[in-house]
């Protein structure tokens, strides 16, 4: 099974997979609406607007495992993201990213090490994974790394389809 095959659901409850983005570079981010890092939505949306036309998308995965910072319903999350930050990128249903109920997608993602060689559990909201157009995990950026940090931009640009 590849990342593209793992069953997911959109925030509206529709079945999907990352296979829907095959051929595109994807920045997958576990997001939360009530976190000190929530303003990163602004940078994520700028990335979507800048690189979306070139074969890139941000995919947000709401998670309520860190301080209960994503307590809302799917509708509340969607409304918050669109009205507060103008987010246009796709959002998945809430997922557990750590622990016994870790979603299979995150079971795969957390095997990938960051730039310091550290793999394992998600540290907090807004941890980012760069996925190549062929479905390979090619980058991991910890929560404090801003979406528009040079290393994230370089990773996106390296993965854009030719």
N, C-alpha and C. Protein backbone atom coordinates (compact mmCIF):
# COMPACT_ATOMS: atom_id res chain seq x y z
N UNK A 1 0.84 -1.19 0.00
CA UNK A 1 0.00 0.00 0.00
C UNK A 1 0.88 1.25 0.00
N UNK A 2 0.53 2.21 -0.83
CA UNK A 2 1.27 3.47 -0.88
C UNK A 2 0.47 4.55 -0.17
N UNK A 3 1.08 5.72 0.01
CA UNK A 3 0.36 6.85 0.60
C UNK A 3 -0.91 7.14 -0.21
N UNK A 4 -0.84 6.94 -1.50
CA UNK A 4 -1.97 7.23 -2.38
C UNK A 4 -3.17 6.31 -2.15
N UNK A 5 -2.94 5.16 -1.54
CA UNK A 5 -3.99 4.16 -1.36
C UNK A 5 -4.71 4.23 -0.02
N UNK A 6 -4.18 4.96 0.92
CA UNK A 6 -4.74 4.99 2.28
C UNK A 6 -6.09 5.73 2.26
N UNK A 7 -7.14 5.06 2.69
CA UNK A 7 -8.46 5.71 2.70
C UNK A 7 -8.52 6.90 3.65
N UNK A 8 -9.08 7.98 3.15
CA UNK A 8 -9.27 9.21 3.92
C UNK A 8 -10.69 9.70 3.68
N UNK A 9 -11.05 10.73 4.43
CA UNK A 9 -12.32 11.42 4.21
C UNK A 9 -12.05 12.92 4.21
N UNK A 10 -12.77 13.62 3.34
CA UNK A 10 -12.67 15.07 3.33
C UNK A 10 -13.39 15.62 4.56
N UNK A 11 -13.22 16.89 4.82
CA UNK A 11 -13.89 17.52 5.94
C UNK A 11 -15.41 17.42 5.80
N UNK A 12 -15.89 17.31 4.58
CA UNK A 12 -17.33 17.17 4.37
C UNK A 12 -17.79 15.72 4.41
N UNK A 13 -16.87 14.79 4.69
CA UNK A 13 -17.23 13.39 4.85
C UNK A 13 -17.16 12.54 3.61
N UNK A 14 -16.70 13.11 2.50
CA UNK A 14 -16.59 12.35 1.26
C UNK A 14 -15.34 11.47 1.28
N UNK A 15 -15.44 10.23 0.79
CA UNK A 15 -14.24 9.39 0.72
C UNK A 15 -13.24 9.96 -0.29
N UNK A 16 -11.97 9.86 0.05
CA UNK A 16 -10.90 10.32 -0.83
C UNK A 16 -9.62 9.58 -0.47
N UNK A 17 -8.58 9.86 -1.20
CA UNK A 17 -7.22 9.40 -0.89
C UNK A 17 -6.26 10.50 -1.35
N UNK A 18 -5.03 10.39 -0.96
CA UNK A 18 -4.03 11.31 -1.50
C UNK A 18 -3.80 11.05 -2.99
N UNK A 19 -4.27 9.91 -3.48
CA UNK A 19 -4.20 9.62 -4.91
C UNK A 19 -4.91 10.67 -5.75
N UNK A 20 -5.84 11.40 -5.12
CA UNK A 20 -6.53 12.49 -5.83
C UNK A 20 -5.54 13.57 -6.25
N UNK A 21 -4.37 13.60 -5.61
CA UNK A 21 -3.36 14.63 -5.88
C UNK A 21 -2.15 14.07 -6.62
N UNK A 22 -2.26 12.83 -7.11
CA UNK A 22 -1.16 12.20 -7.84
C UNK A 22 -0.72 13.12 -8.97
N UNK A 23 0.59 13.29 -9.09
CA UNK A 23 1.13 14.17 -10.11
C UNK A 23 1.37 15.58 -9.61
N UNK A 24 0.92 15.87 -8.41
CA UNK A 24 1.14 17.18 -7.79
C UNK A 24 2.04 17.05 -6.56
N UNK A 25 2.73 18.11 -6.26
CA UNK A 25 3.46 18.19 -5.00
C UNK A 25 2.44 18.55 -3.92
N UNK A 26 2.54 17.92 -2.75
CA UNK A 26 1.59 18.13 -1.66
C UNK A 26 2.35 18.47 -0.38
N UNK A 27 1.88 19.50 0.31
CA UNK A 27 2.36 19.80 1.66
C UNK A 27 1.22 19.45 2.60
N UNK A 28 1.37 18.35 3.32
CA UNK A 28 0.34 17.87 4.25
C UNK A 28 0.66 18.40 5.64
N UNK A 29 -0.33 19.03 6.27
CA UNK A 29 -0.11 19.72 7.55
C UNK A 29 -1.23 19.36 8.52
N UNK A 30 -0.87 18.95 9.74
CA UNK A 30 -1.92 18.78 10.76
C UNK A 30 -2.20 20.15 11.35
N UNK A 31 -3.46 20.57 11.26
CA UNK A 31 -3.85 21.94 11.58
C UNK A 31 -4.78 21.98 12.79
N UNK A 32 -4.90 23.17 13.38
CA UNK A 32 -5.80 23.40 14.50
C UNK A 32 -6.21 24.86 14.52
N UNK A 33 -7.44 25.12 14.94
CA UNK A 33 -8.02 26.46 14.88
C UNK A 33 -7.72 27.32 16.11
N UNK A 34 -7.33 26.71 17.21
CA UNK A 34 -7.17 27.46 18.45
C UNK A 34 -5.77 27.29 19.04
N UNK A 35 -4.78 27.32 18.18
CA UNK A 35 -3.39 27.09 18.55
C UNK A 35 -2.60 28.37 18.36
N UNK A 36 -1.54 28.53 19.13
CA UNK A 36 -0.68 29.68 18.95
C UNK A 36 -0.06 29.72 17.56
N UNK A 37 0.00 28.57 16.89
CA UNK A 37 0.56 28.49 15.54
C UNK A 37 -0.50 28.64 14.45
N UNK A 38 -1.77 28.81 14.83
CA UNK A 38 -2.86 28.92 13.85
C UNK A 38 -2.61 29.99 12.79
N UNK A 39 -1.97 31.13 13.12
CA UNK A 39 -1.69 32.10 12.05
C UNK A 39 -0.87 31.54 10.89
N UNK A 40 -0.29 30.34 11.04
CA UNK A 40 0.41 29.72 9.90
C UNK A 40 -0.55 29.46 8.74
N UNK A 41 -1.85 29.44 9.01
CA UNK A 41 -2.82 29.31 7.91
C UNK A 41 -2.57 30.38 6.84
N UNK A 42 -2.18 31.58 7.25
CA UNK A 42 -1.92 32.66 6.29
C UNK A 42 -0.83 32.26 5.31
N UNK A 43 0.28 31.76 5.84
CA UNK A 43 1.38 31.34 4.98
C UNK A 43 1.02 30.13 4.13
N UNK A 44 0.26 29.20 4.71
CA UNK A 44 -0.18 28.04 3.93
C UNK A 44 -1.04 28.48 2.75
N UNK A 45 -1.94 29.42 2.99
CA UNK A 45 -2.79 29.90 1.89
C UNK A 45 -1.97 30.65 0.84
N UNK A 46 -0.97 31.42 1.27
CA UNK A 46 -0.12 32.09 0.27
C UNK A 46 0.62 31.06 -0.58
N UNK A 47 1.10 29.98 0.05
CA UNK A 47 1.74 28.91 -0.73
C UNK A 47 0.76 28.33 -1.74
N UNK A 48 -0.47 28.10 -1.29
CA UNK A 48 -1.50 27.55 -2.18
C UNK A 48 -1.73 28.48 -3.37
N UNK A 49 -1.84 29.76 -3.11
CA UNK A 49 -2.09 30.73 -4.19
C UNK A 49 -0.89 30.85 -5.13
N UNK A 50 0.32 30.84 -4.56
CA UNK A 50 1.53 31.01 -5.35
C UNK A 50 1.84 29.79 -6.21
N UNK A 51 1.78 28.61 -5.59
CA UNK A 51 2.24 27.40 -6.27
C UNK A 51 1.13 26.51 -6.80
N UNK A 52 -0.11 26.73 -6.35
CA UNK A 52 -1.23 25.91 -6.81
C UNK A 52 -1.33 25.80 -8.31
N UNK A 53 -1.21 26.92 -9.04
CA UNK A 53 -1.30 26.83 -10.51
C UNK A 53 -0.16 26.03 -11.16
N UNK A 54 0.88 25.74 -10.38
CA UNK A 54 2.04 25.03 -10.92
C UNK A 54 2.09 23.56 -10.51
N UNK A 55 0.97 23.03 -9.98
CA UNK A 55 0.94 21.61 -9.62
C UNK A 55 1.26 21.33 -8.17
N UNK A 56 0.77 22.16 -7.28
CA UNK A 56 1.02 22.03 -5.85
C UNK A 56 -0.27 22.22 -5.09
N UNK A 57 -0.40 21.55 -3.97
CA UNK A 57 -1.50 21.83 -3.06
C UNK A 57 -1.09 21.60 -1.61
N UNK A 58 -1.64 22.42 -0.75
CA UNK A 58 -1.60 22.19 0.68
C UNK A 58 -2.80 21.29 0.99
N UNK A 59 -2.63 20.34 1.88
CA UNK A 59 -3.75 19.55 2.39
C UNK A 59 -3.69 19.66 3.91
N UNK A 60 -4.77 20.15 4.50
CA UNK A 60 -4.85 20.29 5.95
C UNK A 60 -5.54 19.10 6.58
N UNK A 61 -4.98 18.62 7.69
CA UNK A 61 -5.56 17.51 8.44
C UNK A 61 -5.83 17.99 9.87
N UNK A 62 -7.04 18.45 10.15
CA UNK A 62 -7.36 18.91 11.50
C UNK A 62 -7.10 17.81 12.54
N UNK A 63 -6.58 18.23 13.67
CA UNK A 63 -6.24 17.30 14.74
C UNK A 63 -6.54 17.96 16.08
N UNK A 64 -7.18 17.22 16.97
CA UNK A 64 -7.55 17.75 18.29
C UNK A 64 -6.73 17.11 19.40
N UNK A 65 -5.58 16.55 19.08
CA UNK A 65 -4.79 15.82 20.07
C UNK A 65 -3.84 16.69 20.88
N UNK A 66 -3.66 17.92 20.52
CA UNK A 66 -2.70 18.78 21.20
C UNK A 66 -3.44 19.89 21.93
N UNK A 67 -3.68 19.70 23.20
CA UNK A 67 -4.34 20.71 24.02
C UNK A 67 -5.78 20.97 23.63
N UNK A 68 -6.43 20.03 22.93
CA UNK A 68 -7.82 20.22 22.52
C UNK A 68 -8.01 21.46 21.67
N UNK A 69 -7.03 21.76 20.81
CA UNK A 69 -7.03 23.01 20.06
C UNK A 69 -7.79 22.96 18.73
N UNK A 70 -8.46 21.84 18.47
CA UNK A 70 -9.34 21.75 17.31
C UNK A 70 -10.64 21.08 17.74
N UNK A 71 -11.41 21.76 18.60
CA UNK A 71 -12.61 21.14 19.17
C UNK A 71 -13.84 21.19 18.29
N UNK A 72 -13.83 21.99 17.23
CA UNK A 72 -15.03 22.26 16.46
C UNK A 72 -15.53 21.11 15.62
N UNK A 73 -16.75 21.28 15.14
CA UNK A 73 -17.33 20.35 14.17
C UNK A 73 -16.70 20.62 12.80
N UNK A 74 -16.96 19.73 11.87
CA UNK A 74 -16.44 19.92 10.51
C UNK A 74 -16.90 21.27 9.95
N UNK A 75 -18.16 21.62 10.15
CA UNK A 75 -18.68 22.89 9.64
C UNK A 75 -18.00 24.08 10.32
N UNK A 76 -17.79 23.99 11.62
CA UNK A 76 -17.10 25.08 12.34
C UNK A 76 -15.67 25.24 11.85
N UNK A 77 -14.99 24.14 11.61
CA UNK A 77 -13.61 24.19 11.12
C UNK A 77 -13.58 24.83 9.73
N UNK A 78 -14.46 24.37 8.83
CA UNK A 78 -14.50 24.89 7.47
C UNK A 78 -14.79 26.40 7.48
N UNK A 79 -15.78 26.81 8.28
CA UNK A 79 -16.14 28.23 8.35
C UNK A 79 -14.98 29.05 8.91
N UNK A 80 -14.35 28.58 9.97
CA UNK A 80 -13.23 29.29 10.57
C UNK A 80 -12.11 29.47 9.54
N UNK A 81 -11.73 28.41 8.87
CA UNK A 81 -10.61 28.46 7.93
C UNK A 81 -10.89 29.39 6.76
N UNK A 82 -12.11 29.34 6.24
CA UNK A 82 -12.41 30.17 5.07
C UNK A 82 -12.65 31.62 5.44
N UNK A 83 -13.33 31.89 6.55
CA UNK A 83 -13.62 33.29 6.88
C UNK A 83 -12.46 34.00 7.57
N UNK A 84 -11.72 33.28 8.41
CA UNK A 84 -10.62 33.92 9.14
C UNK A 84 -9.36 34.02 8.29
N UNK A 85 -9.07 32.98 7.52
CA UNK A 85 -7.81 32.96 6.77
C UNK A 85 -8.00 32.85 5.26
N UNK A 86 -9.21 32.78 4.79
CA UNK A 86 -9.44 32.67 3.35
C UNK A 86 -8.90 31.38 2.76
N UNK A 87 -8.79 30.35 3.59
CA UNK A 87 -8.19 29.09 3.13
C UNK A 87 -9.02 28.46 2.03
N UNK A 88 -8.34 28.15 0.93
CA UNK A 88 -9.00 27.51 -0.22
C UNK A 88 -8.50 26.08 -0.42
N UNK A 89 -7.47 25.68 0.30
CA UNK A 89 -6.91 24.34 0.11
C UNK A 89 -7.80 23.29 0.78
N UNK A 90 -7.70 22.04 0.32
CA UNK A 90 -8.55 20.98 0.86
C UNK A 90 -8.21 20.64 2.31
N UNK A 91 -9.26 20.28 3.04
CA UNK A 91 -9.13 19.84 4.42
C UNK A 91 -9.70 18.44 4.56
N UNK A 92 -9.03 17.62 5.34
CA UNK A 92 -9.50 16.28 5.64
C UNK A 92 -10.34 16.31 6.91
N UNK A 93 -10.99 15.19 7.21
CA UNK A 93 -11.67 15.08 8.49
C UNK A 93 -10.63 15.07 9.60
N UNK A 94 -11.07 15.31 10.83
CA UNK A 94 -10.14 15.26 11.97
C UNK A 94 -9.48 13.89 12.03
N UNK A 95 -8.18 13.88 12.28
CA UNK A 95 -7.40 12.65 12.37
C UNK A 95 -6.61 12.63 13.66
N UNK A 96 -6.40 11.44 14.21
CA UNK A 96 -5.41 11.27 15.27
C UNK A 96 -4.07 11.04 14.59
N UNK A 97 -3.07 11.80 15.01
CA UNK A 97 -1.75 11.71 14.39
C UNK A 97 -0.76 10.94 15.26
N UNK A 98 -1.10 10.71 16.52
CA UNK A 98 -0.26 9.97 17.46
C UNK A 98 -1.12 8.98 18.24
N UNK A 99 -0.47 8.08 18.94
CA UNK A 99 -1.16 7.20 19.87
C UNK A 99 -1.78 5.96 19.23
N UNK A 100 -2.56 5.24 20.06
CA UNK A 100 -3.15 3.97 19.65
C UNK A 100 -4.10 4.11 18.47
N UNK A 101 -4.75 5.27 18.35
CA UNK A 101 -5.71 5.48 17.27
C UNK A 101 -5.11 6.30 16.12
N UNK A 102 -3.79 6.33 16.04
CA UNK A 102 -3.11 7.05 14.96
C UNK A 102 -3.66 6.58 13.62
N UNK A 103 -4.02 7.53 12.76
CA UNK A 103 -4.52 7.20 11.43
C UNK A 103 -3.42 6.52 10.63
N UNK A 104 -3.77 5.54 9.79
CA UNK A 104 -2.74 4.86 8.98
C UNK A 104 -1.87 5.82 8.15
N UNK A 105 -2.43 6.93 7.71
CA UNK A 105 -1.63 7.91 6.97
C UNK A 105 -0.48 8.40 7.84
N UNK A 106 -0.79 8.73 9.08
CA UNK A 106 0.25 9.24 9.98
C UNK A 106 1.17 8.13 10.48
N UNK A 107 0.71 6.89 10.46
CA UNK A 107 1.61 5.77 10.77
C UNK A 107 2.74 5.74 9.74
N UNK A 108 2.41 6.02 8.49
CA UNK A 108 3.43 6.07 7.44
C UNK A 108 4.27 7.35 7.54
N UNK A 109 3.62 8.49 7.68
CA UNK A 109 4.33 9.77 7.69
C UNK A 109 5.35 9.84 8.83
N UNK A 110 4.99 9.36 10.00
CA UNK A 110 5.87 9.52 11.16
C UNK A 110 7.11 8.62 11.10
N UNK A 111 7.16 7.75 10.13
CA UNK A 111 8.38 6.96 9.92
C UNK A 111 9.47 7.79 9.26
N UNK A 112 9.08 8.90 8.65
CA UNK A 112 10.03 9.75 7.92
C UNK A 112 10.72 10.72 8.88
N UNK A 113 12.01 10.84 8.76
CA UNK A 113 12.79 11.71 9.64
C UNK A 113 12.79 13.15 9.12
N UNK A 114 12.98 14.07 10.07
CA UNK A 114 13.13 15.49 9.72
C UNK A 114 14.59 15.76 9.34
N UNK A 115 14.94 17.02 9.16
CA UNK A 115 16.30 17.39 8.73
C UNK A 115 17.36 16.99 9.75
N UNK A 116 16.96 16.84 11.02
CA UNK A 116 17.92 16.45 12.06
C UNK A 116 17.99 14.93 12.22
N UNK A 117 17.27 14.20 11.39
CA UNK A 117 17.30 12.74 11.46
C UNK A 117 16.32 12.15 12.46
N UNK A 118 15.40 12.96 12.98
CA UNK A 118 14.44 12.50 13.99
C UNK A 118 13.13 12.10 13.33
N UNK A 119 12.74 10.86 13.52
CA UNK A 119 11.43 10.38 13.07
C UNK A 119 10.53 10.28 14.30
N UNK A 120 9.38 9.64 14.17
CA UNK A 120 8.52 9.41 15.32
C UNK A 120 7.36 10.37 15.42
N UNK A 121 6.78 10.43 16.61
CA UNK A 121 5.54 11.15 16.84
C UNK A 121 5.55 12.59 16.35
N UNK A 122 4.36 13.04 15.99
CA UNK A 122 4.13 14.44 15.66
C UNK A 122 4.32 15.24 16.95
N UNK A 123 5.05 16.35 16.89
CA UNK A 123 5.35 17.11 18.10
C UNK A 123 4.21 18.03 18.53
N UNK A 124 3.49 18.61 17.56
CA UNK A 124 2.44 19.57 17.89
C UNK A 124 1.68 19.87 16.60
N UNK A 125 0.72 20.76 16.68
CA UNK A 125 -0.01 21.20 15.49
C UNK A 125 0.94 21.85 14.50
N UNK A 126 0.60 21.77 13.24
CA UNK A 126 1.30 22.41 12.13
C UNK A 126 2.65 21.78 11.79
N UNK A 127 2.78 20.47 12.04
CA UNK A 127 3.92 19.73 11.51
C UNK A 127 3.61 19.47 10.03
N UNK A 128 4.62 19.60 9.19
CA UNK A 128 4.42 19.59 7.74
C UNK A 128 5.22 18.46 7.09
N UNK A 129 4.59 17.82 6.10
CA UNK A 129 5.24 16.78 5.32
C UNK A 129 5.15 17.13 3.84
N UNK A 130 6.27 17.10 3.16
CA UNK A 130 6.32 17.32 1.72
C UNK A 130 6.23 15.97 1.03
N UNK A 131 5.27 15.87 0.11
CA UNK A 131 5.05 14.63 -0.63
C UNK A 131 5.25 14.93 -2.11
N UNK A 132 6.06 14.12 -2.75
CA UNK A 132 6.41 14.33 -4.16
C UNK A 132 5.21 13.99 -5.06
N UNK A 133 5.28 14.40 -6.33
CA UNK A 133 4.21 14.05 -7.27
C UNK A 133 4.03 12.55 -7.49
N UNK A 134 5.02 11.75 -7.08
CA UNK A 134 4.90 10.29 -7.20
C UNK A 134 4.52 9.63 -5.88
N UNK A 135 4.21 10.45 -4.85
CA UNK A 135 3.74 9.90 -3.58
C UNK A 135 4.82 9.55 -2.58
N UNK A 136 6.04 10.04 -2.79
CA UNK A 136 7.13 9.78 -1.84
C UNK A 136 7.17 10.89 -0.79
N UNK A 137 7.46 10.54 0.44
CA UNK A 137 7.66 11.54 1.49
C UNK A 137 9.08 12.06 1.32
N UNK A 138 9.22 13.34 1.02
CA UNK A 138 10.54 13.89 0.71
C UNK A 138 10.98 14.99 1.68
N UNK A 139 10.13 15.33 2.64
CA UNK A 139 10.51 16.35 3.60
C UNK A 139 9.59 16.34 4.80
N UNK A 140 10.16 16.70 5.94
CA UNK A 140 9.39 16.82 7.18
C UNK A 140 9.86 18.07 7.89
N UNK A 141 8.91 18.91 8.23
CA UNK A 141 9.22 20.19 8.87
C UNK A 141 8.42 20.28 10.16
N UNK A 142 9.12 20.55 11.24
CA UNK A 142 8.49 20.59 12.56
C UNK A 142 7.58 21.82 12.69
N UNK A 143 6.71 21.82 13.72
CA UNK A 143 5.67 22.85 13.83
C UNK A 143 6.17 24.30 13.81
N UNK A 144 7.29 24.59 14.42
CA UNK A 144 7.77 25.97 14.49
C UNK A 144 8.29 26.48 13.14
N UNK A 145 8.52 25.58 12.19
CA UNK A 145 8.98 26.00 10.87
C UNK A 145 7.82 26.66 10.14
N UNK A 146 7.98 27.91 9.81
CA UNK A 146 6.93 28.66 9.12
C UNK A 146 6.70 28.09 7.72
N UNK A 147 5.47 28.13 7.24
CA UNK A 147 5.20 27.60 5.90
C UNK A 147 6.05 28.22 4.79
N UNK A 148 6.40 29.49 4.95
CA UNK A 148 7.18 30.15 3.91
C UNK A 148 8.68 30.24 4.24
N UNK A 149 9.13 29.38 5.15
CA UNK A 149 10.56 29.32 5.47
C UNK A 149 11.32 28.88 4.22
N UNK A 150 12.56 29.35 4.07
CA UNK A 150 13.33 29.00 2.86
C UNK A 150 13.42 27.50 2.59
N UNK A 151 13.56 26.69 3.64
CA UNK A 151 13.68 25.25 3.42
C UNK A 151 12.37 24.63 2.93
N UNK A 152 11.24 25.18 3.33
CA UNK A 152 9.95 24.68 2.83
C UNK A 152 9.77 25.10 1.38
N UNK A 153 10.04 26.36 1.10
CA UNK A 153 9.94 26.87 -0.28
C UNK A 153 10.84 26.05 -1.21
N UNK A 154 12.08 25.79 -0.79
CA UNK A 154 13.01 25.02 -1.62
C UNK A 154 12.46 23.61 -1.87
N UNK A 155 11.87 23.01 -0.86
CA UNK A 155 11.31 21.67 -1.01
C UNK A 155 10.13 21.68 -1.99
N UNK A 156 9.27 22.68 -1.87
CA UNK A 156 8.13 22.78 -2.79
C UNK A 156 8.64 22.95 -4.22
N UNK A 157 9.54 23.89 -4.41
CA UNK A 157 10.03 24.19 -5.76
C UNK A 157 10.74 22.98 -6.37
N UNK A 158 11.42 22.18 -5.55
CA UNK A 158 12.10 20.99 -6.06
C UNK A 158 11.11 19.91 -6.49
N UNK A 159 9.88 19.97 -5.95
CA UNK A 159 8.92 18.91 -6.25
C UNK A 159 7.86 19.32 -7.28
N UNK A 160 7.84 20.57 -7.68
CA UNK A 160 6.84 20.98 -8.65
C UNK A 160 6.99 20.16 -9.93
N UNK A 161 5.86 19.72 -10.51
CA UNK A 161 5.95 18.97 -11.76
C UNK A 161 6.63 19.80 -12.86
N UNK A 162 7.33 19.15 -13.72
CA UNK A 162 8.07 19.84 -14.78
C UNK A 162 7.15 20.57 -15.73
